[in-house]
PDB file of N, CA and C in Angstrom:
ATOM      1  N   UNK A   1      51.192   2.934 -13.962  1.00  0.00           N
ATOM      2  CA  UNK A   1      50.056   3.801 -13.727  1.00  0.00           C
ATOM      3  C   UNK A   1      50.497   5.218 -13.375  1.00  0.00           C
ATOM      4  N   UNK A   2      51.585   5.354 -12.597  1.00  0.00           N
ATOM      5  CA  UNK A   2      52.072   6.668 -12.209  1.00  0.00           C
ATOM      6  C   UNK A   2      52.550   7.452 -13.426  1.00  0.00           C
ATOM      7  N   UNK A   3      53.150   6.768 -14.393  1.00  0.00           N
ATOM      8  CA  UNK A   3      53.614   7.430 -15.611  1.00  0.00           C
ATOM      9  C   UNK A   3      52.422   7.982 -16.383  1.00  0.00           C
ATOM     10  N   UNK A   4      51.358   7.195 -16.474  1.00  0.00           N
ATOM     11  CA  UNK A   4      50.154   7.648 -17.182  1.00  0.00           C
ATOM     12  C   UNK A   4      49.553   8.870 -16.493  1.00  0.00           C
ATOM     13  N   UNK A   5      49.454   8.850 -15.173  1.00  0.00           N
ATOM     14  CA  UNK A   5      48.906   9.981 -14.420  1.00  0.00           C
ATOM     15  C   UNK A   5      49.770  11.217 -14.589  1.00  0.00           C
ATOM     16  N   UNK A   6      51.098  11.032 -14.605  1.00  0.00           N
ATOM     17  CA  UNK A   6      52.006  12.166 -14.814  1.00  0.00           C
ATOM     18  C   UNK A   6      51.804  12.755 -16.206  1.00  0.00           C
ATOM     19  N   UNK A   7      51.600  11.885 -17.203  1.00  0.00           N
ATOM     20  CA  UNK A   7      51.357  12.355 -18.563  1.00  0.00           C
ATOM     21  C   UNK A   7      50.063  13.145 -18.666  1.00  0.00           C
ATOM     22  N   UNK A   8      49.037  12.672 -17.998  1.00  0.00           N
ATOM     23  CA  UNK A   8      47.750  13.377 -17.997  1.00  0.00           C
ATOM     24  C   UNK A   8      47.906  14.726 -17.318  1.00  0.00           C
ATOM     25  N   UNK A   9      48.609  14.764 -16.182  1.00  0.00           N
ATOM     26  CA  UNK A   9      48.823  16.020 -15.462  1.00  0.00           C
ATOM     27  C   UNK A   9      49.610  17.000 -16.319  1.00  0.00           C
ATOM     28  N   UNK A  10      50.631  16.522 -17.021  1.00  0.00           N
ATOM     29  CA  UNK A  10      51.433  17.387 -17.882  1.00  0.00           C
ATOM     30  C   UNK A  10      50.591  17.945 -19.027  1.00  0.00           C
ATOM     31  N   UNK A  11      49.790  17.093 -19.663  1.00  0.00           N
ATOM     32  CA  UNK A  11      48.918  17.573 -20.744  1.00  0.00           C
ATOM     33  C   UNK A  11      47.928  18.605 -20.224  1.00  0.00           C
ATOM     34  N   UNK A  12      47.386  18.391 -19.041  1.00  0.00           N
ATOM     35  CA  UNK A  12      46.446  19.348 -18.455  1.00  0.00           C
ATOM     36  C   UNK A  12      47.124  20.690 -18.198  1.00  0.00           C
ATOM     37  N   UNK A  13      48.347  20.642 -17.688  1.00  0.00           N
ATOM     38  CA  UNK A  13      49.082  21.880 -17.414  1.00  0.00           C
ATOM     39  C   UNK A  13      49.380  22.635 -18.704  1.00  0.00           C
ATOM     40  N   UNK A  14      49.804  21.919 -19.735  1.00  0.00           N
ATOM     41  CA  UNK A  14      50.094  22.556 -21.020  1.00  0.00           C
ATOM     42  C   UNK A  14      48.823  23.164 -21.610  1.00  0.00           C
ATOM     43  N   UNK A  15      47.723  22.446 -21.546  1.00  0.00           N
ATOM     44  CA  UNK A  15      46.452  22.956 -22.047  1.00  0.00           C
ATOM     45  C   UNK A  15      46.049  24.220 -21.294  1.00  0.00           C
ATOM     46  N   UNK A  16      46.196  24.214 -19.975  1.00  0.00           N
ATOM     47  CA  UNK A  16      45.840  25.390 -19.179  1.00  0.00           C
ATOM     48  C   UNK A  16      46.684  26.587 -19.567  1.00  0.00           C
ATOM     49  N   UNK A  17      47.978  26.379 -19.780  1.00  0.00           N
ATOM     50  CA  UNK A  17      48.864  27.475 -20.178  1.00  0.00           C
ATOM     51  C   UNK A  17      48.452  28.013 -21.545  1.00  0.00           C
ATOM     52  N   UNK A  18      48.140  27.124 -22.457  1.00  0.00           N
ATOM     53  CA  UNK A  18      47.707  27.557 -23.792  1.00  0.00           C
ATOM     54  C   UNK A  18      46.406  28.342 -23.725  1.00  0.00           C
ATOM     55  N   UNK A  19      45.469  27.869 -22.929  1.00  0.00           N
ATOM     56  CA  UNK A  19      44.185  28.561 -22.809  1.00  0.00           C
ATOM     57  C   UNK A  19      44.350  29.936 -22.187  1.00  0.00           C
ATOM     58  N   UNK A  20      45.147  30.040 -21.142  1.00  0.00           N
ATOM     59  CA  UNK A  20      45.372  31.332 -20.500  1.00  0.00           C
ATOM     60  C   UNK A  20      46.082  32.260 -21.471  1.00  0.00           C
ATOM     61  N   UNK A  21      47.068  31.758 -22.176  1.00  0.00           N
ATOM     62  CA  UNK A  21      47.778  32.584 -23.144  1.00  0.00           C
ATOM     63  C   UNK A  21      46.876  33.067 -24.257  1.00  0.00           C
ATOM     64  N   UNK A  22      46.054  32.200 -24.774  1.00  0.00           N
ATOM     65  CA  UNK A  22      45.147  32.582 -25.853  1.00  0.00           C
ATOM     66  C   UNK A  22      44.118  33.590 -25.375  1.00  0.00           C
ATOM     67  N   UNK A  23      43.673  33.452 -24.143  1.00  0.00           N
ATOM     68  CA  UNK A  23      42.665  34.366 -23.614  1.00  0.00           C
ATOM     69  C   UNK A  23      43.218  35.769 -23.466  1.00  0.00           C
ATOM     70  N   UNK A  24      44.501  35.896 -23.236  1.00  0.00           N
ATOM     71  CA  UNK A  24      45.079  37.207 -23.043  1.00  0.00           C
ATOM     72  C   UNK A  24      45.532  37.878 -24.325  1.00  0.00           C
ATOM     73  N   UNK A  25      45.259  37.332 -25.460  1.00  0.00           N
ATOM     74  CA  UNK A  25      45.761  37.861 -26.727  1.00  0.00           C
ATOM     75  C   UNK A  25      44.682  38.603 -27.496  1.00  0.00           C
ATOM     76  N   UNK A  26      44.052  39.560 -26.862  1.00  0.00           N
ATOM     77  CA  UNK A  26      43.090  40.381 -27.562  1.00  0.00           C
ATOM     78  C   UNK A  26      41.859  39.631 -28.013  1.00  0.00           C
ATOM     79  N   UNK A  27      41.472  38.642 -27.292  1.00  0.00           N
ATOM     80  CA  UNK A  27      40.332  37.829 -27.709  1.00  0.00           C
ATOM     81  C   UNK A  27      39.010  38.540 -27.513  1.00  0.00           C
ATOM     82  N   UNK A  28      39.017  39.664 -26.774  1.00  0.00           N
ATOM     83  CA  UNK A  28      37.786  40.392 -26.542  1.00  0.00           C
ATOM     84  C   UNK A  28      36.922  39.779 -25.468  1.00  0.00           C
ATOM     85  N   UNK A  29      37.447  38.816 -24.728  1.00  0.00           N
ATOM     86  CA  UNK A  29      36.686  38.235 -23.636  1.00  0.00           C
ATOM     87  C   UNK A  29      37.544  38.208 -22.382  1.00  0.00           C
ATOM     88  N   UNK A  30      36.895  38.053 -21.266  1.00  0.00           N
ATOM     89  CA  UNK A  30      37.627  37.985 -20.008  1.00  0.00           C
ATOM     90  C   UNK A  30      38.427  36.700 -19.948  1.00  0.00           C
ATOM     91  N   UNK A  31      39.706  36.800 -19.618  1.00  0.00           N
ATOM     92  CA  UNK A  31      40.527  35.591 -19.546  1.00  0.00           C
ATOM     93  C   UNK A  31      39.951  34.579 -18.564  1.00  0.00           C
ATOM     94  N   UNK A  32      40.032  33.327 -18.944  1.00  0.00           N
ATOM     95  CA  UNK A  32      39.605  32.242 -18.071  1.00  0.00           C
ATOM     96  C   UNK A  32      40.600  32.088 -16.934  1.00  0.00           C
ATOM     97  N   UNK A  33      40.165  31.479 -15.882  1.00  0.00           N
ATOM     98  CA  UNK A  33      41.027  31.153 -14.759  1.00  0.00           C
ATOM     99  C   UNK A  33      41.696  29.820 -15.059  1.00  0.00           C
ATOM    100  N   UNK A  34      43.008  29.786 -14.985  1.00  0.00           N
ATOM    101  CA  UNK A  34      43.733  28.550 -15.238  1.00  0.00           C
ATOM    102  C   UNK A  34      43.513  27.547 -14.120  1.00  0.00           C
ATOM    103  N   UNK A  35      43.828  26.315 -14.413  1.00  0.00           N
ATOM    104  CA  UNK A  35      43.688  25.268 -13.407  1.00  0.00           C
ATOM    105  C   UNK A  35      44.932  25.222 -12.540  1.00  0.00           C
ATOM    106  N   UNK A  36      44.747  24.830 -11.301  1.00  0.00           N
ATOM    107  CA  UNK A  36      45.843  24.704 -10.359  1.00  0.00           C
ATOM    108  C   UNK A  36      46.436  23.309 -10.403  1.00  0.00           C
ATOM    109  N   UNK A  37      47.359  23.046  -9.483  1.00  0.00           N
ATOM    110  CA  UNK A  37      48.018  21.745  -9.438  1.00  0.00           C
ATOM    111  C   UNK A  37      47.051  20.573  -9.263  1.00  0.00           C
ATOM    112  N   UNK A  38      45.888  20.858  -8.660  1.00  0.00           N
ATOM    113  CA  UNK A  38      44.919  19.782  -8.452  1.00  0.00           C
ATOM    114  C   UNK A  38      44.021  19.562  -9.663  1.00  0.00           C
ATOM    115  N   UNK A  39      44.249  20.343 -10.736  1.00  0.00           N
ATOM    116  CA  UNK A  39      43.475  20.164 -11.951  1.00  0.00           C
ATOM    117  C   UNK A  39      42.180  20.947 -12.008  1.00  0.00           C
ATOM    118  N   UNK A  40      41.923  21.774 -10.996  1.00  0.00           N
ATOM    119  CA  UNK A  40      40.705  22.574 -10.983  1.00  0.00           C
ATOM    120  C   UNK A  40      41.068  24.050 -10.815  1.00  0.00           C
ATOM    121  N   UNK A  41      40.230  24.946 -11.326  1.00  0.00           N
ATOM    122  CA  UNK A  41      40.484  26.373 -11.148  1.00  0.00           C
ATOM    123  C   UNK A  41      40.189  26.806  -9.715  1.00  0.00           C
ATOM    124  N   UNK A  42      40.882  27.839  -9.276  1.00  0.00           N
ATOM    125  CA  UNK A  42      40.667  28.411  -7.943  1.00  0.00           C
ATOM    126  C   UNK A  42      39.246  28.981  -7.891  1.00  0.00           C
ATOM    127  N   UNK A  43      38.400  28.519  -6.969  1.00  0.00           N
ATOM    128  CA  UNK A  43      37.012  28.984  -6.937  1.00  0.00           C
ATOM    129  C   UNK A  43      36.874  30.476  -6.637  1.00  0.00           C
ATOM    130  N   UNK A  44      37.814  31.045  -5.900  1.00  0.00           N
ATOM    131  CA  UNK A  44      37.756  32.488  -5.617  1.00  0.00           C
ATOM    132  C   UNK A  44      38.003  33.267  -6.906  1.00  0.00           C
ATOM    133  N   UNK A  45      38.964  32.823  -7.705  1.00  0.00           N
ATOM    134  CA  UNK A  45      39.237  33.497  -8.974  1.00  0.00           C
ATOM    135  C   UNK A  45      38.078  33.329  -9.957  1.00  0.00           C
ATOM    136  N   UNK A  46      37.441  32.178  -9.942  1.00  0.00           N
ATOM    137  CA  UNK A  46      36.270  31.954 -10.799  1.00  0.00           C
ATOM    138  C   UNK A  46      35.146  32.913 -10.393  1.00  0.00           C
ATOM    139  N   UNK A  47      34.926  33.058  -9.097  1.00  0.00           N
ATOM    140  CA  UNK A  47      33.906  33.999  -8.611  1.00  0.00           C
ATOM    141  C   UNK A  47      34.279  35.434  -8.969  1.00  0.00           C
ATOM    142  N   UNK A  48      35.556  35.773  -8.831  1.00  0.00           N
ATOM    143  CA  UNK A  48      36.016  37.115  -9.179  1.00  0.00           C
ATOM    144  C   UNK A  48      35.825  37.418 -10.656  1.00  0.00           C
ATOM    145  N   UNK A  49      36.066  36.420 -11.506  1.00  0.00           N
ATOM    146  CA  UNK A  49      35.853  36.589 -12.946  1.00  0.00           C
ATOM    147  C   UNK A  49      34.382  36.887 -13.226  1.00  0.00           C
ATOM    148  N   UNK A  50      33.491  36.165 -12.563  1.00  0.00           N
ATOM    149  CA  UNK A  50      32.051  36.378 -12.769  1.00  0.00           C
ATOM    150  C   UNK A  50      31.654  37.801 -12.366  1.00  0.00           C
ATOM    151  N   UNK A  51      32.179  38.271 -11.240  1.00  0.00           N
ATOM    152  CA  UNK A  51      31.887  39.642 -10.804  1.00  0.00           C
ATOM    153  C   UNK A  51      32.452  40.629 -11.819  1.00  0.00           C
ATOM    154  N   UNK A  52      33.690  40.390 -12.270  1.00  0.00           N
ATOM    155  CA  UNK A  52      34.311  41.299 -13.238  1.00  0.00           C
ATOM    156  C   UNK A  52      33.482  41.387 -14.512  1.00  0.00           C
ATOM    157  N   UNK A  53      33.063  40.252 -15.036  1.00  0.00           N
ATOM    158  CA  UNK A  53      32.261  40.244 -16.255  1.00  0.00           C
ATOM    159  C   UNK A  53      30.959  41.004 -16.042  1.00  0.00           C
ATOM    160  N   UNK A  54      30.312  40.749 -14.911  1.00  0.00           N
ATOM    161  CA  UNK A  54      29.000  41.333 -14.625  1.00  0.00           C
ATOM    162  C   UNK A  54      29.058  42.819 -14.297  1.00  0.00           C
ATOM    163  N   UNK A  55      30.058  43.227 -13.522  1.00  0.00           N
ATOM    164  CA  UNK A  55      30.056  44.583 -12.977  1.00  0.00           C
ATOM    165  C   UNK A  55      31.134  45.515 -13.523  1.00  0.00           C
ATOM    166  N   UNK A  56      32.216  44.976 -14.055  1.00  0.00           N
ATOM    167  CA  UNK A  56      33.378  45.816 -14.382  1.00  0.00           C
ATOM    168  C   UNK A  56      33.678  45.913 -15.876  1.00  0.00           C
ATOM    169  N   UNK A  57      33.417  44.847 -16.615  1.00  0.00           N
ATOM    170  CA  UNK A  57      33.880  44.774 -17.998  1.00  0.00           C
ATOM    171  C   UNK A  57      33.262  45.826 -18.910  1.00  0.00           C
ATOM    172  N   UNK A  58      32.066  46.318 -18.605  1.00  0.00           N
ATOM    173  CA  UNK A  58      31.447  47.302 -19.490  1.00  0.00           C
ATOM    174  C   UNK A  58      32.229  48.616 -19.515  1.00  0.00           C
ATOM    175  N   UNK A  59      32.919  48.944 -18.441  1.00  0.00           N
ATOM    176  CA  UNK A  59      33.716  50.174 -18.401  1.00  0.00           C
ATOM    177  C   UNK A  59      35.215  49.923 -18.543  1.00  0.00           C
ATOM    178  N   UNK A  60      35.683  48.766 -18.103  1.00  0.00           N
ATOM    179  CA  UNK A  60      37.124  48.488 -18.107  1.00  0.00           C
ATOM    180  C   UNK A  60      37.523  47.487 -19.188  1.00  0.00           C
ATOM    181  N   UNK A  61      36.603  47.076 -20.029  1.00  0.00           N
ATOM    182  CA  UNK A  61      36.748  46.111 -21.110  1.00  0.00           C
ATOM    183  C   UNK A  61      36.882  44.698 -20.531  1.00  0.00           C
ATOM    184  N   UNK A  62      36.535  43.752 -21.312  1.00  0.00           N
ATOM    185  CA  UNK A  62      36.487  42.357 -20.866  1.00  0.00           C
ATOM    186  C   UNK A  62      37.850  41.842 -20.422  1.00  0.00           C
ATOM    187  N   UNK A  63      38.907  42.353 -21.048  1.00  0.00           N
ATOM    188  CA  UNK A  63      40.244  41.899 -20.680  1.00  0.00           C
ATOM    189  C   UNK A  63      40.960  42.868 -19.743  1.00  0.00           C
ATOM    190  N   UNK A  64      40.233  43.886 -19.271  1.00  0.00           N
ATOM    191  CA  UNK A  64      40.805  44.855 -18.336  1.00  0.00           C
ATOM    192  C   UNK A  64      41.661  45.918 -18.990  1.00  0.00           C
ATOM    193  N   UNK A  65      41.637  46.006 -20.326  1.00  0.00           N
ATOM    194  CA  UNK A  65      42.499  46.952 -21.030  1.00  0.00           C
ATOM    195  C   UNK A  65      41.985  48.387 -21.005  1.00  0.00           C
ATOM    196  N   UNK A  66      40.786  48.602 -20.474  1.00  0.00           N
ATOM    197  CA  UNK A  66      40.234  49.946 -20.347  1.00  0.00           C
ATOM    198  C   UNK A  66      39.446  50.389 -21.557  1.00  0.00           C
ATOM    199  N   UNK A  67      38.606  51.385 -21.335  1.00  0.00           N
ATOM    200  CA  UNK A  67      37.807  51.999 -22.393  1.00  0.00           C
ATOM    201  C   UNK A  67      37.777  53.493 -22.119  1.00  0.00           C
ATOM    202  N   UNK A  68      37.016  54.217 -22.901  1.00  0.00           N
ATOM    203  CA  UNK A  68      36.870  55.655 -22.642  1.00  0.00           C
ATOM    204  C   UNK A  68      36.107  55.902 -21.340  1.00  0.00           C
ATOM    205  N   UNK A  69      35.407  54.887 -20.847  1.00  0.00           N
ATOM    206  CA  UNK A  69      34.647  55.031 -19.603  1.00  0.00           C
ATOM    207  C   UNK A  69      35.395  54.591 -18.357  1.00  0.00           C
ATOM    208  N   UNK A  70      36.450  53.803 -18.520  1.00  0.00           N
ATOM    209  CA  UNK A  70      37.169  53.305 -17.342  1.00  0.00           C
ATOM    210  C   UNK A  70      38.618  53.002 -17.676  1.00  0.00           C
ATOM    211  N   UNK A  71      39.526  53.251 -16.738  1.00  0.00           N
ATOM    212  CA  UNK A  71      40.953  53.034 -17.000  1.00  0.00           C
ATOM    213  C   UNK A  71      41.338  51.565 -17.088  1.00  0.00           C
ATOM    214  N   UNK A  72      42.524  51.357 -17.620  1.00  0.00           N
ATOM    215  CA  UNK A  72      43.089  50.007 -17.721  1.00  0.00           C
ATOM    216  C   UNK A  72      43.362  49.470 -16.328  1.00  0.00           C
ATOM    217  N   UNK A  73      43.020  48.204 -16.119  1.00  0.00           N
ATOM    218  CA  UNK A  73      43.254  47.533 -14.839  1.00  0.00           C
ATOM    219  C   UNK A  73      44.205  46.352 -14.969  1.00  0.00           C
ATOM    220  N   UNK A  74      44.404  45.881 -16.194  1.00  0.00           N
ATOM    221  CA  UNK A  74      45.185  44.656 -16.398  1.00  0.00           C
ATOM    222  C   UNK A  74      46.688  44.927 -16.320  1.00  0.00           C
ATOM    223  N   UNK A  75      47.448  43.833 -16.386  1.00  0.00           N
ATOM    224  CA  UNK A  75      48.914  43.872 -16.412  1.00  0.00           C
ATOM    225  C   UNK A  75      49.506  44.644 -15.233  1.00  0.00           C
ATOM    226  N   UNK A  76      48.912  44.465 -14.073  1.00  0.00           N
ATOM    227  CA  UNK A  76      49.441  45.072 -12.863  1.00  0.00           C
ATOM    228  C   UNK A  76      49.078  46.529 -12.659  1.00  0.00           C
ATOM    229  N   UNK A  77      48.287  47.074 -13.542  1.00  0.00           N
ATOM    230  CA  UNK A  77      47.950  48.502 -13.455  1.00  0.00           C
ATOM    231  C   UNK A  77      47.184  48.834 -12.171  1.00  0.00           C
ATOM    232  N   UNK A  78      46.289  47.950 -11.747  1.00  0.00           N
ATOM    233  CA  UNK A  78      45.540  48.211 -10.525  1.00  0.00           C
ATOM    234  C   UNK A  78      46.478  48.282  -9.326  1.00  0.00           C
ATOM    235  N   UNK A  79      47.421  47.359  -9.250  1.00  0.00           N
ATOM    236  CA  UNK A  79      48.379  47.371  -8.142  1.00  0.00           C
ATOM    237  C   UNK A  79      49.282  48.602  -8.184  1.00  0.00           C
ATOM    238  N   UNK A  80      49.610  49.077  -9.382  1.00  0.00           N
ATOM    239  CA  UNK A  80      50.404  50.295  -9.499  1.00  0.00           C
ATOM    240  C   UNK A  80      49.662  51.479  -8.898  1.00  0.00           C
ATOM    241  N   UNK A  81      48.396  51.596  -9.227  1.00  0.00           N
ATOM    242  CA  UNK A  81      47.586  52.720  -8.750  1.00  0.00           C
ATOM    243  C   UNK A  81      47.158  52.594  -7.302  1.00  0.00           C
ATOM    244  N   UNK A  82      46.994  51.361  -6.846  1.00  0.00           N
ATOM    245  CA  UNK A  82      46.517  51.100  -5.485  1.00  0.00           C
ATOM    246  C   UNK A  82      47.342  49.993  -4.845  1.00  0.00           C
ATOM    247  N   UNK A  83      48.582  50.300  -4.452  1.00  0.00           N
ATOM    248  CA  UNK A  83      49.417  49.257  -3.844  1.00  0.00           C
ATOM    249  C   UNK A  83      48.857  48.752  -2.513  1.00  0.00           C
ATOM    250  N   UNK A  84      48.077  49.591  -1.834  1.00  0.00           N
ATOM    251  CA  UNK A  84      47.411  49.169  -0.601  1.00  0.00           C
ATOM    252  C   UNK A  84      46.042  48.618  -0.990  1.00  0.00           C
ATOM    253  N   UNK A  85      45.809  47.309  -0.801  1.00  0.00           N
ATOM    254  CA  UNK A  85      44.518  46.722  -1.200  1.00  0.00           C
ATOM    255  C   UNK A  85      43.313  47.422  -0.579  1.00  0.00           C
ATOM    256  N   UNK A  86      43.479  47.990   0.603  1.00  0.00           N
ATOM    257  CA  UNK A  86      42.376  48.697   1.250  1.00  0.00           C
ATOM    258  C   UNK A  86      41.898  49.884   0.433  1.00  0.00           C
ATOM    259  N   UNK A  87      42.825  50.544  -0.275  1.00  0.00           N
ATOM    260  CA  UNK A  87      42.442  51.672  -1.122  1.00  0.00           C
ATOM    261  C   UNK A  87      41.604  51.206  -2.309  1.00  0.00           C
ATOM    262  N   UNK A  88      41.973  50.084  -2.904  1.00  0.00           N
ATOM    263  CA  UNK A  88      41.192  49.538  -4.020  1.00  0.00           C
ATOM    264  C   UNK A  88      39.809  49.113  -3.542  1.00  0.00           C
ATOM    265  N   UNK A  89      39.744  48.514  -2.371  1.00  0.00           N
ATOM    266  CA  UNK A  89      38.447  48.121  -1.798  1.00  0.00           C
ATOM    267  C   UNK A  89      37.573  49.362  -1.593  1.00  0.00           C
ATOM    268  N   UNK A  90      38.167  50.440  -1.101  1.00  0.00           N
ATOM    269  CA  UNK A  90      37.406  51.681  -0.868  1.00  0.00           C
ATOM    270  C   UNK A  90      36.850  52.238  -2.174  1.00  0.00           C
ATOM    271  N   UNK A  91      37.641  52.226  -3.236  1.00  0.00           N
ATOM    272  CA  UNK A  91      37.167  52.746  -4.526  1.00  0.00           C
ATOM    273  C   UNK A  91      36.014  51.898  -5.047  1.00  0.00           C
ATOM    274  N   UNK A  92      36.139  50.595  -4.955  1.00  0.00           N
ATOM    275  CA  UNK A  92      35.060  49.719  -5.417  1.00  0.00           C
ATOM    276  C   UNK A  92      33.811  49.919  -4.564  1.00  0.00           C
ATOM    277  N   UNK A  93      33.980  49.995  -3.280  1.00  0.00           N
ATOM    278  CA  UNK A  93      32.840  50.101  -2.368  1.00  0.00           C
ATOM    279  C   UNK A  93      32.178  51.474  -2.391  1.00  0.00           C
ATOM    280  N   UNK A  94      32.995  52.531  -2.403  1.00  0.00           N
ATOM    281  CA  UNK A  94      32.468  53.895  -2.271  1.00  0.00           C
ATOM    282  C   UNK A  94      32.402  54.660  -3.580  1.00  0.00           C
ATOM    283  N   UNK A  95      33.090  54.174  -4.601  1.00  0.00           N
ATOM    284  CA  UNK A  95      33.141  54.873  -5.876  1.00  0.00           C
ATOM    285  C   UNK A  95      34.126  56.038  -5.821  1.00  0.00           C
ATOM    286  N   UNK A  96      34.444  56.567  -6.994  1.00  0.00           N
ATOM    287  CA  UNK A  96      35.337  57.724  -7.093  1.00  0.00           C
ATOM    288  C   UNK A  96      35.228  58.262  -8.512  1.00  0.00           C
ATOM    289  N   UNK A  97      35.118  59.573  -8.613  1.00  0.00           N
ATOM    290  CA  UNK A  97      34.968  60.225  -9.917  1.00  0.00           C
ATOM    291  C   UNK A  97      33.828  59.553 -10.689  1.00  0.00           C
ATOM    292  N   UNK A  98      34.107  58.980 -11.860  1.00  0.00           N
ATOM    293  CA  UNK A  98      33.051  58.342 -12.659  1.00  0.00           C
ATOM    294  C   UNK A  98      32.780  56.904 -12.241  1.00  0.00           C
ATOM    295  N   UNK A  99      33.592  56.382 -11.333  1.00  0.00           N
ATOM    296  CA  UNK A  99      33.414  54.994 -10.857  1.00  0.00           C
ATOM    297  C   UNK A  99      32.240  54.955  -9.883  1.00  0.00           C
ATOM    298  N   UNK A 100      31.209  54.168 -10.193  1.00  0.00           N
ATOM    299  CA  UNK A 100      30.076  54.069  -9.263  1.00  0.00           C
ATOM    300  C   UNK A 100      30.444  53.261  -8.021  1.00  0.00           C
ATOM    301  N   UNK A 101      29.709  53.482  -6.970  1.00  0.00           N
ATOM    302  CA  UNK A 101      29.899  52.723  -5.722  1.00  0.00           C
ATOM    303  C   UNK A 101      29.198  51.376  -5.841  1.00  0.00           C
ATOM    304  N   UNK A 102      29.929  50.322  -5.493  1.00  0.00           N
ATOM    305  CA  UNK A 102      29.367  48.976  -5.531  1.00  0.00           C
ATOM    306  C   UNK A 102      29.192  48.396  -4.137  1.00  0.00           C
ATOM    307  N   UNK A 103      29.402  49.212  -3.096  1.00  0.00           N
ATOM    308  CA  UNK A 103      29.314  48.728  -1.721  1.00  0.00           C
ATOM    309  C   UNK A 103      27.974  48.104  -1.382  1.00  0.00           C
ATOM    310  N   UNK A 104      26.891  48.642  -1.921  1.00  0.00           N
ATOM    311  CA  UNK A 104      25.576  48.085  -1.655  1.00  0.00           C
ATOM    312  C   UNK A 104      25.202  46.937  -2.574  1.00  0.00           C
ATOM    313  N   UNK A 105      26.027  46.687  -3.583  1.00  0.00           N
ATOM    314  CA  UNK A 105      25.720  45.653  -4.560  1.00  0.00           C
ATOM    315  C   UNK A 105      26.591  44.405  -4.429  1.00  0.00           C
ATOM    316  N   UNK A 106      27.797  44.573  -3.901  1.00  0.00           N
ATOM    317  CA  UNK A 106      28.739  43.466  -3.772  1.00  0.00           C
ATOM    318  C   UNK A 106      29.050  43.210  -2.310  1.00  0.00           C
ATOM    319  N   UNK A 107      29.202  41.963  -1.968  1.00  0.00           N
ATOM    320  CA  UNK A 107      29.626  41.613  -0.620  1.00  0.00           C
ATOM    321  C   UNK A 107      31.138  41.817  -0.510  1.00  0.00           C
ATOM    322  N   UNK A 108      31.646  41.823   0.698  1.00  0.00           N
ATOM    323  CA  UNK A 108      33.088  41.930   0.909  1.00  0.00           C
ATOM    324  C   UNK A 108      33.821  40.766   0.254  1.00  0.00           C
ATOM    325  N   UNK A 109      33.219  39.591   0.276  1.00  0.00           N
ATOM    326  CA  UNK A 109      33.811  38.409  -0.357  1.00  0.00           C
ATOM    327  C   UNK A 109      33.899  38.616  -1.865  1.00  0.00           C
ATOM    328  N   UNK A 110      32.868  39.178  -2.474  1.00  0.00           N
ATOM    329  CA  UNK A 110      32.878  39.429  -3.918  1.00  0.00           C
ATOM    330  C   UNK A 110      33.919  40.483  -4.295  1.00  0.00           C
ATOM    331  N   UNK A 111      34.041  41.530  -3.473  1.00  0.00           N
ATOM    332  CA  UNK A 111      35.043  42.567  -3.734  1.00  0.00           C
ATOM    333  C   UNK A 111      36.438  41.961  -3.672  1.00  0.00           C
ATOM    334  N   UNK A 112      36.704  41.176  -2.639  1.00  0.00           N
ATOM    335  CA  UNK A 112      38.016  40.526  -2.529  1.00  0.00           C
ATOM    336  C   UNK A 112      38.275  39.596  -3.720  1.00  0.00           C
ATOM    337  N   UNK A 113      37.246  38.873  -4.146  1.00  0.00           N
ATOM    338  CA  UNK A 113      37.400  37.942  -5.265  1.00  0.00           C
ATOM    339  C   UNK A 113      37.706  38.679  -6.564  1.00  0.00           C
ATOM    340  N   UNK A 114      37.009  39.778  -6.831  1.00  0.00           N
ATOM    341  CA  UNK A 114      37.256  40.510  -8.074  1.00  0.00           C
ATOM    342  C   UNK A 114      38.639  41.157  -8.045  1.00  0.00           C
ATOM    343  N   UNK A 115      39.077  41.613  -6.903  1.00  0.00           N
ATOM    344  CA  UNK A 115      40.429  42.163  -6.807  1.00  0.00           C
ATOM    345  C   UNK A 115      41.480  41.088  -7.070  1.00  0.00           C
ATOM    346  N   UNK A 116      41.277  39.905  -6.515  1.00  0.00           N
ATOM    347  CA  UNK A 116      42.212  38.801  -6.798  1.00  0.00           C
ATOM    348  C   UNK A 116      42.221  38.452  -8.268  1.00  0.00           C
ATOM    349  N   UNK A 117      41.049  38.412  -8.901  1.00  0.00           N
ATOM    350  CA  UNK A 117      40.973  38.107 -10.323  1.00  0.00           C
ATOM    351  C   UNK A 117      41.742  39.148 -11.142  1.00  0.00           C
ATOM    352  N   UNK A 118      41.496  40.418 -10.846  1.00  0.00           N
ATOM    353  CA  UNK A 118      42.172  41.486 -11.581  1.00  0.00           C
ATOM    354  C   UNK A 118      43.682  41.377 -11.411  1.00  0.00           C
ATOM    355  N   UNK A 119      44.128  41.190 -10.191  1.00  0.00           N
ATOM    356  CA  UNK A 119      45.568  41.169  -9.925  1.00  0.00           C
ATOM    357  C   UNK A 119      46.248  39.880 -10.343  1.00  0.00           C
ATOM    358  N   UNK A 120      45.568  38.755 -10.225  1.00  0.00           N
ATOM    359  CA  UNK A 120      46.205  37.464 -10.505  1.00  0.00           C
ATOM    360  C   UNK A 120      46.007  36.961 -11.932  1.00  0.00           C
ATOM    361  N   UNK A 121      44.926  37.380 -12.584  1.00  0.00           N
ATOM    362  CA  UNK A 121      44.621  36.836 -13.911  1.00  0.00           C
ATOM    363  C   UNK A 121      44.758  37.877 -15.018  1.00  0.00           C
ATOM    364  N   UNK A 122      44.265  39.076 -14.779  1.00  0.00           N
ATOM    365  CA  UNK A 122      44.290  40.086 -15.862  1.00  0.00           C
ATOM    366  C   UNK A 122      45.671  40.642 -16.100  1.00  0.00           C
TER     367      UNK A 122
END
């Protein structure tokens, strides 16, 4: 029975890697959150993805690659520009230049979740 469970876990891990890889290859959609060791996606990252799709993707593109309206955020770009997470939170909450303020629209939990999604998945 343990061998069968190990095989199922291995297949799940391989499938998750394939799905994450395929999502990041110019698919035009926001990458899915991969599953963790327990076989389920991190709920904070799932929530962050939902916020990103709803509030960020129209200006930063679905995969975070940027548009003429918003800079690239994927591939560590957000961390490069804002190594202090507090600075990124301030920009999201208060806005800057063409970036609108989302402080009245997003909770602190949602802001933290979208930042984790951008940094960990995009």
